[in-house]
Amino acid sequence: MGMFPDPSLNYEQGLVGIGGTLEVSVLIEAYTKGIFPWPQEGYPLLWFCPEQRGILKFDQFKIPKSLKKKLKLYQSIQYTQNKNFVEVIKACSAQKRNDQAGTWISENIIEGYINLHQAGLAHSWEVWENSELVGGGYGVLCKGVFSGESLFHKKTNMSKLALIQMVSDLKKQGLKWMDTQMVTPLLKSFGAEEIPKQQYLTLLSKTQINEAKK
């Protein structure tokens, strides 16, 4: 039966569960159902499936004009995947964000997702300049659905370059969209949108069914 309730039901503020652990099996069940952990200081572990869900359809992915003009300046940038997941998730945790006083990427989250990475389900992208890690991001690929978790940058535009590379690699794997959970201004500038939860859960289910047929 599992530890999570039916995410299609109505929950106040999208909160579907409280407590539990971040063991690999628990995270797999959560992502399979469209649920994700979002820790908040002073509370037990919280799990969400919000009424409005952020997604990025790859056929609607667009590079902002302001960035497109600058891409030729970054020809010396190098990209890797899964070269240093630990450093990427820790950098995402340390990233200062204008809309957040702290970080939801707690030590427990870091440990849980490192374990998920070692199980082959959490993946990182690294952006390098002169052998220095200057940007990147990570997410979870489970049953044909990729959920983007976080991006970071140590130099201007490097998180954006990480997102571009991430989408490029996922498209090569045959994916047509990614779950962004929320829609930040950065993601919106690349074409991300919010859709109702029920529409998202239908998309999630169809994608998982298609993946199972492969």
N, C-alpha and C. Protein backbone atom coordinates (compact mmCIF):
# COMPACT_ATOMS: atom_id res chain seq x y z
N MET A 1 0.83 -1.22 0.00
CA MET A 1 0.00 0.00 0.00
C MET A 1 0.86 1.26 0.00
N GLY A 2 2.00 1.23 0.66
CA GLY A 2 2.87 2.39 0.65
C GLY A 2 2.59 3.35 1.77
N MET A 3 3.49 4.31 1.92
CA MET A 3 3.35 5.24 3.04
C MET A 3 2.62 6.53 2.66
N PHE A 4 2.41 6.76 1.36
CA PHE A 4 1.80 8.02 0.94
C PHE A 4 0.34 7.83 0.54
N PRO A 5 -0.50 8.82 0.82
CA PRO A 5 -1.91 8.77 0.42
C PRO A 5 -2.05 9.10 -1.07
N ASP A 6 -3.27 9.01 -1.56
CA ASP A 6 -3.58 9.34 -2.95
C ASP A 6 -3.34 10.84 -3.18
N PRO A 7 -2.38 11.19 -4.03
CA PRO A 7 -2.06 12.62 -4.21
C PRO A 7 -3.14 13.39 -4.98
N SER A 8 -4.06 12.67 -5.61
CA SER A 8 -5.09 13.35 -6.40
C SER A 8 -6.17 14.00 -5.52
N LEU A 9 -6.22 13.62 -4.25
CA LEU A 9 -7.20 14.21 -3.34
C LEU A 9 -6.78 15.64 -2.98
N ASN A 10 -7.67 16.37 -2.35
CA ASN A 10 -7.37 17.76 -1.98
C ASN A 10 -6.68 17.81 -0.62
N TYR A 11 -5.58 18.54 -0.56
CA TYR A 11 -4.84 18.70 0.68
C TYR A 11 -4.54 20.18 0.88
N GLU A 12 -4.64 20.62 2.13
CA GLU A 12 -4.38 22.02 2.43
C GLU A 12 -2.94 22.38 2.08
N GLN A 13 -2.78 23.37 1.22
CA GLN A 13 -1.48 23.84 0.76
C GLN A 13 -0.65 22.73 0.09
N GLY A 14 -1.32 21.69 -0.37
CA GLY A 14 -0.62 20.63 -1.08
C GLY A 14 0.17 19.70 -0.19
N LEU A 15 -0.02 19.79 1.13
CA LEU A 15 0.73 18.97 2.07
C LEU A 15 0.08 17.59 2.19
N VAL A 16 0.78 16.56 1.68
CA VAL A 16 0.19 15.22 1.65
C VAL A 16 0.74 14.31 2.75
N GLY A 17 1.84 14.68 3.39
CA GLY A 17 2.41 13.81 4.41
C GLY A 17 3.36 14.53 5.34
N ILE A 18 3.48 14.02 6.55
CA ILE A 18 4.38 14.59 7.56
C ILE A 18 5.19 13.46 8.17
N GLY A 19 6.51 13.65 8.24
CA GLY A 19 7.38 12.67 8.88
C GLY A 19 7.95 11.68 7.88
N GLY A 20 8.43 10.57 8.40
CA GLY A 20 9.04 9.57 7.54
C GLY A 20 10.53 9.80 7.36
N THR A 21 11.11 9.06 6.43
CA THR A 21 12.55 9.13 6.19
C THR A 21 12.83 9.46 4.73
N LEU A 22 14.10 9.65 4.43
CA LEU A 22 14.52 9.91 3.05
C LEU A 22 15.29 8.71 2.49
N GLU A 23 14.88 7.52 2.90
CA GLU A 23 15.48 6.32 2.35
C GLU A 23 15.15 6.21 0.86
N VAL A 24 16.00 5.52 0.13
CA VAL A 24 15.84 5.41 -1.32
C VAL A 24 14.46 4.88 -1.68
N SER A 25 14.00 3.84 -1.01
CA SER A 25 12.69 3.25 -1.34
C SER A 25 11.55 4.24 -1.12
N VAL A 26 11.67 5.07 -0.10
CA VAL A 26 10.64 6.07 0.20
C VAL A 26 10.63 7.15 -0.88
N LEU A 27 11.81 7.62 -1.26
CA LEU A 27 11.91 8.64 -2.31
C LEU A 27 11.38 8.12 -3.64
N ILE A 28 11.65 6.87 -3.96
CA ILE A 28 11.15 6.28 -5.20
C ILE A 28 9.62 6.27 -5.19
N GLU A 29 9.03 5.84 -4.08
CA GLU A 29 7.57 5.83 -3.99
C GLU A 29 7.00 7.24 -4.14
N ALA A 30 7.65 8.20 -3.48
CA ALA A 30 7.17 9.59 -3.55
C ALA A 30 7.19 10.11 -4.98
N TYR A 31 8.33 9.99 -5.64
CA TYR A 31 8.45 10.53 -7.00
C TYR A 31 7.54 9.80 -7.99
N THR A 32 7.35 8.50 -7.76
CA THR A 32 6.45 7.74 -8.62
C THR A 32 5.03 8.29 -8.54
N LYS A 33 4.66 8.80 -7.38
CA LYS A 33 3.31 9.34 -7.17
C LYS A 33 3.23 10.85 -7.41
N GLY A 34 4.35 11.48 -7.77
CA GLY A 34 4.32 12.92 -8.00
C GLY A 34 4.44 13.74 -6.74
N ILE A 35 5.01 13.14 -5.70
CA ILE A 35 5.17 13.80 -4.40
C ILE A 35 6.65 14.07 -4.16
N PHE A 36 6.96 15.19 -3.52
CA PHE A 36 8.37 15.50 -3.26
C PHE A 36 8.53 16.06 -1.84
N PRO A 37 9.70 15.85 -1.23
CA PRO A 37 9.95 16.39 0.11
C PRO A 37 10.34 17.86 0.02
N TRP A 38 9.87 18.63 0.97
CA TRP A 38 10.22 20.06 1.02
C TRP A 38 10.35 20.44 2.50
N PRO A 39 11.51 20.18 3.08
CA PRO A 39 11.71 20.46 4.52
C PRO A 39 11.55 21.94 4.85
N GLN A 40 11.01 22.21 6.03
CA GLN A 40 10.90 23.57 6.54
C GLN A 40 11.37 23.58 7.99
N GLU A 41 12.19 24.54 8.30
CA GLU A 41 12.83 24.58 9.62
C GLU A 41 11.79 24.59 10.75
N GLY A 42 12.03 23.76 11.75
CA GLY A 42 11.14 23.70 12.90
C GLY A 42 10.01 22.72 12.78
N TYR A 43 9.92 22.03 11.64
CA TYR A 43 8.85 21.06 11.41
C TYR A 43 9.44 19.68 11.09
N PRO A 44 8.66 18.62 11.29
CA PRO A 44 9.09 17.31 10.81
C PRO A 44 9.19 17.36 9.27
N LEU A 45 9.71 16.30 8.68
CA LEU A 45 9.83 16.24 7.22
C LEU A 45 8.45 16.38 6.57
N LEU A 46 8.32 17.29 5.62
CA LEU A 46 7.05 17.56 4.94
C LEU A 46 7.11 17.10 3.49
N TRP A 47 5.98 16.55 3.01
CA TRP A 47 5.88 16.03 1.65
C TRP A 47 4.72 16.73 0.94
N PHE A 48 4.96 17.15 -0.32
CA PHE A 48 3.99 17.97 -1.03
C PHE A 48 3.64 17.43 -2.42
N CYS A 49 2.40 17.70 -2.79
CA CYS A 49 1.94 17.59 -4.18
C CYS A 49 1.01 18.77 -4.39
N PRO A 50 1.54 19.92 -4.78
CA PRO A 50 0.77 21.16 -4.81
C PRO A 50 -0.33 21.18 -5.86
N GLU A 51 -1.32 22.04 -5.64
CA GLU A 51 -2.46 22.14 -6.54
C GLU A 51 -2.07 22.67 -7.91
N GLN A 52 -1.03 23.46 -7.97
CA GLN A 52 -0.49 23.93 -9.25
C GLN A 52 0.94 23.40 -9.37
N ARG A 53 1.24 22.78 -10.49
CA ARG A 53 2.55 22.13 -10.65
C ARG A 53 3.32 22.76 -11.79
N GLY A 54 4.60 23.00 -11.56
CA GLY A 54 5.46 23.55 -12.60
C GLY A 54 6.00 22.46 -13.50
N ILE A 55 5.91 22.65 -14.81
CA ILE A 55 6.51 21.73 -15.77
C ILE A 55 7.19 22.54 -16.87
N LEU A 56 8.11 21.90 -17.56
CA LEU A 56 8.77 22.51 -18.71
C LEU A 56 8.70 21.52 -19.86
N LYS A 57 7.86 21.82 -20.83
CA LYS A 57 7.76 20.99 -22.03
C LYS A 57 8.90 21.36 -22.96
N PHE A 58 9.61 20.35 -23.43
CA PHE A 58 10.82 20.62 -24.19
C PHE A 58 10.53 21.22 -25.57
N ASP A 59 9.34 20.98 -26.10
CA ASP A 59 9.02 21.61 -27.39
C ASP A 59 8.66 23.08 -27.22
N GLN A 60 8.54 23.52 -25.96
CA GLN A 60 8.29 24.93 -25.69
C GLN A 60 9.49 25.60 -25.02
N PHE A 61 10.58 24.85 -24.91
CA PHE A 61 11.79 25.38 -24.28
C PHE A 61 12.39 26.47 -25.16
N LYS A 62 12.74 27.57 -24.55
CA LYS A 62 13.30 28.69 -25.30
C LYS A 62 14.43 29.32 -24.50
N ILE A 63 15.45 29.74 -25.20
CA ILE A 63 16.55 30.46 -24.56
C ILE A 63 16.26 31.95 -24.64
N PRO A 64 16.22 32.64 -23.50
CA PRO A 64 15.93 34.08 -23.52
C PRO A 64 16.86 34.84 -24.46
N LYS A 65 16.31 35.82 -25.15
CA LYS A 65 17.10 36.58 -26.14
C LYS A 65 18.34 37.20 -25.53
N SER A 66 18.21 37.70 -24.30
CA SER A 66 19.35 38.35 -23.65
C SER A 66 20.51 37.37 -23.44
N LEU A 67 20.17 36.11 -23.17
CA LEU A 67 21.20 35.09 -22.97
C LEU A 67 21.73 34.58 -24.30
N LYS A 68 20.85 34.45 -25.29
CA LYS A 68 21.24 33.94 -26.60
C LYS A 68 22.36 34.79 -27.20
N LYS A 69 22.29 36.09 -26.96
CA LYS A 69 23.30 37.00 -27.49
C LYS A 69 24.67 36.79 -26.85
N LYS A 70 24.66 36.21 -25.65
CA LYS A 70 25.91 36.04 -24.90
C LYS A 70 26.52 34.65 -25.03
N LEU A 71 25.80 33.70 -25.66
CA LEU A 71 26.26 32.32 -25.68
C LEU A 71 27.64 32.17 -26.31
N LYS A 72 27.95 33.00 -27.31
CA LYS A 72 29.26 32.89 -27.97
C LYS A 72 30.41 33.26 -27.03
N LEU A 73 30.07 33.95 -25.94
CA LEU A 73 31.11 34.31 -24.97
C LEU A 73 31.50 33.12 -24.10
N TYR A 74 30.70 32.06 -24.14
CA TYR A 74 30.91 30.92 -23.25
C TYR A 74 31.39 29.67 -23.99
N GLN A 75 32.07 29.86 -25.10
CA GLN A 75 32.49 28.71 -25.90
C GLN A 75 33.56 27.87 -25.21
N SER A 76 34.25 28.44 -24.22
CA SER A 76 35.28 27.68 -23.51
C SER A 76 34.72 26.90 -22.32
N ILE A 77 33.42 27.10 -22.05
CA ILE A 77 32.77 26.39 -20.95
C ILE A 77 32.69 24.90 -21.26
N GLN A 78 32.89 24.08 -20.24
CA GLN A 78 32.78 22.63 -20.41
C GLN A 78 31.67 22.08 -19.51
N TYR A 79 31.05 21.01 -19.96
CA TYR A 79 29.93 20.41 -19.23
C TYR A 79 30.21 18.94 -18.95
N THR A 80 29.78 18.51 -17.78
CA THR A 80 29.85 17.09 -17.44
C THR A 80 28.54 16.69 -16.77
N GLN A 81 28.32 15.39 -16.73
CA GLN A 81 27.14 14.86 -16.04
C GLN A 81 27.59 13.81 -15.04
N ASN A 82 27.09 13.96 -13.81
CA ASN A 82 27.39 12.99 -12.73
C ASN A 82 28.89 12.88 -12.41
N LYS A 83 29.62 13.94 -12.64
CA LYS A 83 31.04 13.91 -12.30
C LYS A 83 31.27 14.21 -10.82
N ASN A 84 30.44 15.10 -10.25
CA ASN A 84 30.62 15.44 -8.84
C ASN A 84 29.28 15.82 -8.23
N PHE A 85 28.42 14.80 -8.05
CA PHE A 85 27.08 15.05 -7.52
C PHE A 85 27.14 15.69 -6.14
N VAL A 86 28.04 15.22 -5.31
CA VAL A 86 28.11 15.72 -3.93
C VAL A 86 28.41 17.22 -3.90
N GLU A 87 29.37 17.64 -4.69
CA GLU A 87 29.72 19.06 -4.71
C GLU A 87 28.58 19.90 -5.26
N VAL A 88 27.87 19.36 -6.25
CA VAL A 88 26.74 20.10 -6.85
C VAL A 88 25.61 20.30 -5.84
N ILE A 89 25.21 19.24 -5.16
CA ILE A 89 24.07 19.39 -4.23
C ILE A 89 24.46 20.28 -3.05
N LYS A 90 25.71 20.22 -2.62
CA LYS A 90 26.15 21.10 -1.53
C LYS A 90 26.20 22.56 -1.99
N ALA A 91 26.59 22.77 -3.23
CA ALA A 91 26.61 24.14 -3.77
C ALA A 91 25.19 24.67 -3.92
N CYS A 92 24.25 23.81 -4.31
CA CYS A 92 22.84 24.22 -4.39
C CYS A 92 22.31 24.60 -3.01
N SER A 93 22.73 23.85 -1.99
CA SER A 93 22.31 24.14 -0.63
C SER A 93 22.85 25.49 -0.15
N ALA A 94 24.06 25.82 -0.56
CA ALA A 94 24.71 27.05 -0.11
C ALA A 94 24.31 28.28 -0.93
N GLN A 95 23.64 28.06 -2.06
CA GLN A 95 23.27 29.16 -2.96
C GLN A 95 22.33 30.15 -2.26
N LYS A 96 22.67 31.41 -2.28
CA LYS A 96 21.80 32.44 -1.72
C LYS A 96 20.72 32.78 -2.74
N ARG A 97 19.47 32.85 -2.28
CA ARG A 97 18.35 33.12 -3.17
C ARG A 97 17.54 34.29 -2.63
N ASN A 98 17.13 35.17 -3.53
CA ASN A 98 16.46 36.40 -3.13
C ASN A 98 15.13 36.14 -2.42
N ASP A 99 14.46 35.01 -2.77
CA ASP A 99 13.12 34.76 -2.23
C ASP A 99 13.15 33.81 -1.04
N GLN A 100 14.36 33.47 -0.55
CA GLN A 100 14.45 32.52 0.56
C GLN A 100 15.44 33.02 1.61
N ALA A 101 15.02 32.91 2.87
CA ALA A 101 15.92 33.31 3.95
C ALA A 101 16.96 32.24 4.23
N GLY A 102 16.58 30.98 4.02
CA GLY A 102 17.49 29.86 4.25
C GLY A 102 17.47 28.90 3.09
N THR A 103 17.69 27.62 3.37
CA THR A 103 17.66 26.62 2.32
C THR A 103 16.83 25.42 2.76
N TRP A 104 16.12 24.82 1.80
CA TRP A 104 15.37 23.61 2.09
C TRP A 104 16.26 22.37 1.92
N ILE A 105 17.45 22.58 1.34
CA ILE A 105 18.36 21.45 1.10
C ILE A 105 19.18 21.23 2.37
N SER A 106 18.56 20.54 3.31
CA SER A 106 19.15 20.29 4.62
C SER A 106 20.20 19.18 4.53
N GLU A 107 20.88 18.94 5.64
CA GLU A 107 21.86 17.84 5.67
C GLU A 107 21.18 16.50 5.40
N ASN A 108 19.95 16.34 5.90
CA ASN A 108 19.21 15.11 5.65
C ASN A 108 18.88 14.94 4.17
N ILE A 109 18.50 16.05 3.54
CA ILE A 109 18.23 16.02 2.10
C ILE A 109 19.50 15.65 1.34
N ILE A 110 20.60 16.27 1.69
CA ILE A 110 21.87 15.98 1.02
C ILE A 110 22.21 14.50 1.13
N GLU A 111 22.12 13.96 2.33
CA GLU A 111 22.43 12.54 2.54
C GLU A 111 21.48 11.64 1.76
N GLY A 112 20.18 11.96 1.81
CA GLY A 112 19.19 11.15 1.13
C GLY A 112 19.39 11.12 -0.38
N TYR A 113 19.72 12.28 -0.95
CA TYR A 113 19.85 12.34 -2.40
C TYR A 113 21.21 11.83 -2.88
N ILE A 114 22.22 11.88 -2.03
CA ILE A 114 23.48 11.21 -2.36
C ILE A 114 23.22 9.71 -2.47
N ASN A 115 22.45 9.17 -1.55
CA ASN A 115 22.10 7.75 -1.60
C ASN A 115 21.29 7.45 -2.87
N LEU A 116 20.39 8.37 -3.23
CA LEU A 116 19.58 8.19 -4.43
C LEU A 116 20.47 8.25 -5.68
N HIS A 117 21.47 9.11 -5.63
CA HIS A 117 22.44 9.19 -6.74
C HIS A 117 23.22 7.88 -6.86
N GLN A 118 23.65 7.35 -5.75
CA GLN A 118 24.40 6.09 -5.76
C GLN A 118 23.53 4.94 -6.25
N ALA A 119 22.22 5.09 -6.11
CA ALA A 119 21.29 4.08 -6.62
C ALA A 119 20.98 4.28 -8.11
N GLY A 120 21.56 5.34 -8.69
CA GLY A 120 21.40 5.59 -10.12
C GLY A 120 20.18 6.40 -10.52
N LEU A 121 19.54 7.05 -9.54
CA LEU A 121 18.30 7.76 -9.84
C LEU A 121 18.41 9.29 -9.73
N ALA A 122 19.37 9.79 -9.00
CA ALA A 122 19.60 11.25 -8.92
C ALA A 122 20.83 11.59 -9.75
N HIS A 123 20.73 12.66 -10.53
CA HIS A 123 21.78 13.00 -11.49
C HIS A 123 22.18 14.47 -11.36
N SER A 124 23.43 14.73 -11.63
CA SER A 124 23.94 16.10 -11.57
C SER A 124 24.52 16.53 -12.90
N TRP A 125 24.49 17.83 -13.11
CA TRP A 125 25.15 18.44 -14.26
C TRP A 125 26.13 19.48 -13.73
N GLU A 126 27.31 19.49 -14.29
CA GLU A 126 28.35 20.41 -13.84
C GLU A 126 28.77 21.33 -14.98
N VAL A 127 29.00 22.58 -14.64
CA VAL A 127 29.48 23.59 -15.59
C VAL A 127 30.86 24.03 -15.12
N TRP A 128 31.86 23.91 -15.99
CA TRP A 128 33.25 24.19 -15.62
C TRP A 128 33.83 25.33 -16.45
N GLU A 129 34.64 26.13 -15.80
CA GLU A 129 35.41 27.17 -16.49
C GLU A 129 36.84 27.12 -15.95
N ASN A 130 37.78 26.79 -16.81
CA ASN A 130 39.18 26.65 -16.40
C ASN A 130 39.32 25.71 -15.21
N SER A 131 38.66 24.56 -15.31
CA SER A 131 38.70 23.50 -14.29
C SER A 131 38.03 23.90 -12.97
N GLU A 132 37.32 25.02 -12.95
CA GLU A 132 36.59 25.45 -11.75
C GLU A 132 35.10 25.19 -11.94
N LEU A 133 34.47 24.59 -10.93
CA LEU A 133 33.03 24.35 -10.97
C LEU A 133 32.31 25.67 -10.72
N VAL A 134 31.65 26.19 -11.75
CA VAL A 134 31.04 27.52 -11.65
C VAL A 134 29.52 27.49 -11.70
N GLY A 135 28.96 26.32 -11.95
CA GLY A 135 27.51 26.21 -11.98
C GLY A 135 27.09 24.76 -12.11
N GLY A 136 25.79 24.52 -11.95
CA GLY A 136 25.30 23.16 -12.08
C GLY A 136 23.90 23.00 -11.55
N GLY A 137 23.46 21.77 -11.50
CA GLY A 137 22.13 21.46 -10.98
C GLY A 137 21.96 19.96 -10.86
N TYR A 138 20.86 19.57 -10.22
CA TYR A 138 20.61 18.14 -10.06
C TYR A 138 19.11 17.87 -10.07
N GLY A 139 18.77 16.61 -10.27
CA GLY A 139 17.38 16.20 -10.27
C GLY A 139 17.26 14.70 -10.20
N VAL A 140 16.03 14.22 -10.28
CA VAL A 140 15.72 12.80 -10.10
C VAL A 140 15.04 12.27 -11.36
N LEU A 141 15.57 11.17 -11.89
CA LEU A 141 14.97 10.51 -13.04
C LEU A 141 14.41 9.18 -12.58
N CYS A 142 13.08 9.10 -12.52
CA CYS A 142 12.41 7.92 -11.98
C CYS A 142 11.27 7.50 -12.90
N LYS A 143 11.35 6.30 -13.46
CA LYS A 143 10.31 5.73 -14.32
C LYS A 143 9.98 6.65 -15.49
N GLY A 144 11.03 7.21 -16.11
CA GLY A 144 10.85 8.01 -17.31
C GLY A 144 10.49 9.46 -17.08
N VAL A 145 10.39 9.86 -15.81
CA VAL A 145 10.03 11.25 -15.48
C VAL A 145 11.19 11.91 -14.76
N PHE A 146 11.64 13.05 -15.28
CA PHE A 146 12.73 13.79 -14.63
C PHE A 146 12.16 14.95 -13.83
N SER A 147 12.56 15.02 -12.56
CA SER A 147 12.14 16.12 -11.68
C SER A 147 13.37 16.96 -11.35
N GLY A 148 13.40 18.17 -11.85
CA GLY A 148 14.49 19.08 -11.54
C GLY A 148 14.38 19.56 -10.11
N GLU A 149 15.48 19.52 -9.38
CA GLU A 149 15.46 19.87 -7.96
C GLU A 149 16.04 21.26 -7.68
N SER A 150 17.23 21.53 -8.18
CA SER A 150 17.85 22.81 -7.84
C SER A 150 18.99 23.13 -8.80
N LEU A 151 19.29 24.41 -8.94
CA LEU A 151 20.41 24.91 -9.74
C LEU A 151 21.25 25.83 -8.87
N PHE A 152 22.51 26.01 -9.26
CA PHE A 152 23.35 26.99 -8.57
C PHE A 152 24.28 27.65 -9.56
N HIS A 153 24.79 28.80 -9.17
CA HIS A 153 25.80 29.48 -10.00
C HIS A 153 26.80 30.18 -9.09
N LYS A 154 28.04 30.15 -9.50
CA LYS A 154 29.09 30.92 -8.82
C LYS A 154 29.53 32.10 -9.67
N LYS A 155 29.11 32.07 -10.94
CA LYS A 155 29.34 33.19 -11.85
C LYS A 155 28.06 33.42 -12.64
N THR A 156 27.87 34.64 -13.11
CA THR A 156 26.65 35.03 -13.80
C THR A 156 26.31 34.09 -14.95
N ASN A 157 25.05 33.69 -15.03
CA ASN A 157 24.47 32.88 -16.11
C ASN A 157 24.85 31.40 -16.06
N MET A 158 25.66 30.98 -15.12
CA MET A 158 26.11 29.59 -15.13
C MET A 158 25.01 28.59 -14.78
N SER A 159 24.05 28.99 -13.93
CA SER A 159 22.92 28.09 -13.67
C SER A 159 22.04 27.97 -14.92
N LYS A 160 21.96 29.03 -15.69
CA LYS A 160 21.18 28.99 -16.94
C LYS A 160 21.84 28.06 -17.95
N LEU A 161 23.16 28.11 -18.04
CA LEU A 161 23.85 27.20 -18.93
C LEU A 161 23.68 25.75 -18.49
N ALA A 162 23.65 25.54 -17.17
CA ALA A 162 23.42 24.19 -16.64
C ALA A 162 22.04 23.68 -17.06
N LEU A 163 21.03 24.55 -16.99
CA LEU A 163 19.68 24.17 -17.38
C LEU A 163 19.62 23.83 -18.87
N ILE A 164 20.27 24.63 -19.69
CA ILE A 164 20.29 24.37 -21.14
C ILE A 164 20.90 23.00 -21.43
N GLN A 165 22.02 22.70 -20.78
CA GLN A 165 22.67 21.42 -20.99
C GLN A 165 21.81 20.27 -20.47
N MET A 166 21.19 20.49 -19.32
CA MET A 166 20.30 19.49 -18.72
C MET A 166 19.19 19.12 -19.69
N VAL A 167 18.51 20.11 -20.24
CA VAL A 167 17.42 19.88 -21.17
C VAL A 167 17.93 19.17 -22.43
N SER A 168 19.07 19.60 -22.94
CA SER A 168 19.65 18.98 -24.13
C SER A 168 19.91 17.49 -23.91
N ASP A 169 20.49 17.15 -22.78
CA ASP A 169 20.80 15.75 -22.48
C ASP A 169 19.53 14.92 -22.28
N LEU A 170 18.55 15.50 -21.61
CA LEU A 170 17.30 14.77 -21.38
C LEU A 170 16.55 14.53 -22.68
N LYS A 171 16.58 15.49 -23.58
CA LYS A 171 15.95 15.32 -24.89
C LYS A 171 16.62 14.19 -25.67
N LYS A 172 17.93 14.11 -25.56
CA LYS A 172 18.67 13.03 -26.26
C LYS A 172 18.27 11.66 -25.73
N GLN A 173 17.83 11.62 -24.46
CA GLN A 173 17.38 10.37 -23.86
C GLN A 173 15.92 10.05 -24.21
N GLY A 174 15.29 10.94 -24.96
CA GLY A 174 13.93 10.70 -25.40
C GLY A 174 12.86 11.34 -24.54
N LEU A 175 13.25 12.09 -23.52
CA LEU A 175 12.26 12.76 -22.66
C LEU A 175 11.67 13.96 -23.38
N LYS A 176 10.41 14.25 -23.07
CA LYS A 176 9.71 15.35 -23.74
C LYS A 176 9.36 16.49 -22.79
N TRP A 177 9.56 16.27 -21.48
CA TRP A 177 9.22 17.32 -20.52
C TRP A 177 9.92 17.02 -19.20
N MET A 178 9.93 17.99 -18.32
CA MET A 178 10.46 17.79 -16.98
C MET A 178 9.57 18.46 -15.95
N ASP A 179 9.55 17.88 -14.79
CA ASP A 179 8.81 18.44 -13.65
C ASP A 179 9.72 19.47 -12.98
N THR A 180 9.25 20.69 -12.85
CA THR A 180 10.04 21.72 -12.17
C THR A 180 9.48 22.03 -10.78
N GLN A 181 8.39 21.37 -10.42
CA GLN A 181 7.72 21.53 -9.12
C GLN A 181 7.13 22.92 -8.98
N MET A 182 7.99 23.93 -8.90
CA MET A 182 7.53 25.32 -8.87
C MET A 182 8.01 26.01 -10.16
N VAL A 183 7.49 27.22 -10.41
CA VAL A 183 7.97 28.00 -11.56
C VAL A 183 8.60 29.29 -11.03
N THR A 184 9.92 29.31 -11.02
CA THR A 184 10.66 30.50 -10.62
C THR A 184 10.75 31.45 -11.82
N PRO A 185 11.11 32.71 -11.60
CA PRO A 185 11.29 33.63 -12.73
C PRO A 185 12.29 33.10 -13.76
N LEU A 186 13.37 32.45 -13.30
CA LEU A 186 14.35 31.90 -14.22
C LEU A 186 13.70 30.83 -15.10
N LEU A 187 12.99 29.89 -14.48
CA LEU A 187 12.36 28.82 -15.24
C LEU A 187 11.29 29.36 -16.19
N LYS A 188 10.55 30.35 -15.75
CA LYS A 188 9.52 30.95 -16.60
C LYS A 188 10.14 31.57 -17.84
N SER A 189 11.31 32.16 -17.70
CA SER A 189 11.98 32.80 -18.85
C SER A 189 12.40 31.77 -19.89
N PHE A 190 12.49 30.49 -19.49
CA PHE A 190 12.85 29.42 -20.42
C PHE A 190 11.62 28.67 -20.94
N GLY A 191 10.43 29.07 -20.52
CA GLY A 191 9.22 28.46 -21.04
C GLY A 191 8.45 27.58 -20.09
N ALA A 192 8.87 27.50 -18.83
CA ALA A 192 8.15 26.68 -17.86
C ALA A 192 6.77 27.27 -17.58
N GLU A 193 5.83 26.42 -17.21
CA GLU A 193 4.46 26.86 -16.96
C GLU A 193 3.87 26.09 -15.79
N GLU A 194 2.81 26.62 -15.22
CA GLU A 194 2.07 25.92 -14.17
C GLU A 194 0.84 25.28 -14.77
N ILE A 195 0.56 24.04 -14.34
CA ILE A 195 -0.65 23.35 -14.77
C ILE A 195 -1.35 22.81 -13.52
N PRO A 196 -2.68 22.57 -13.59
CA PRO A 196 -3.39 22.02 -12.44
C PRO A 196 -2.85 20.64 -12.05
N LYS A 197 -2.93 20.32 -10.78
CA LYS A 197 -2.40 19.05 -10.27
C LYS A 197 -2.95 17.85 -11.03
N GLN A 198 -4.26 17.82 -11.28
CA GLN A 198 -4.84 16.65 -11.94
C GLN A 198 -4.27 16.47 -13.34
N GLN A 199 -4.03 17.56 -14.03
CA GLN A 199 -3.42 17.49 -15.37
C GLN A 199 -1.99 16.96 -15.26
N TYR A 200 -1.29 17.41 -14.24
CA TYR A 200 0.08 16.93 -14.03
C TYR A 200 0.10 15.44 -13.73
N LEU A 201 -0.79 14.97 -12.85
CA LEU A 201 -0.82 13.55 -12.48
C LEU A 201 -1.18 12.67 -13.67
N THR A 202 -2.03 13.17 -14.57
CA THR A 202 -2.35 12.44 -15.80
C THR A 202 -1.13 12.33 -16.69
N LEU A 203 -0.40 13.44 -16.84
CA LEU A 203 0.82 13.46 -17.63
C LEU A 203 1.87 12.52 -17.03
N LEU A 204 1.99 12.55 -15.72
CA LEU A 204 2.92 11.67 -15.00
C LEU A 204 2.60 10.20 -15.29
N SER A 205 1.34 9.84 -15.16
CA SER A 205 0.91 8.46 -15.36
C SER A 205 1.16 8.00 -16.80
N LYS A 206 0.81 8.83 -17.77
CA LYS A 206 1.00 8.47 -19.17
C LYS A 206 2.47 8.27 -19.50
N THR A 207 3.32 9.14 -18.94
CA THR A 207 4.75 9.03 -19.19
C THR A 207 5.31 7.74 -18.59
N GLN A 208 4.85 7.40 -17.39
CA GLN A 208 5.32 6.18 -16.74
C GLN A 208 4.86 4.94 -17.50
N ILE A 209 3.63 4.96 -18.01
CA ILE A 209 3.11 3.83 -18.79
C ILE A 209 3.93 3.64 -20.06
N ASN A 210 4.22 4.76 -20.75
CA ASN A 210 5.02 4.70 -21.98
C ASN A 210 6.43 4.18 -21.69
N GLU A 211 6.98 4.58 -20.56
CA GLU A 211 8.32 4.12 -20.19
C GLU A 211 8.31 2.62 -19.91
N ALA A 212 7.26 2.13 -19.29
CA ALA A 212 7.17 0.71 -18.97
C ALA A 212 7.05 -0.15 -20.23
N LYS A 213 6.53 0.43 -21.32
CA LYS A 213 6.35 -0.31 -22.57
C LYS A 213 7.66 -0.44 -23.35
N LYS A 214 8.66 0.35 -22.99
CA LYS A 214 9.91 0.33 -23.76
C LYS A 214 10.67 -0.98 -23.55
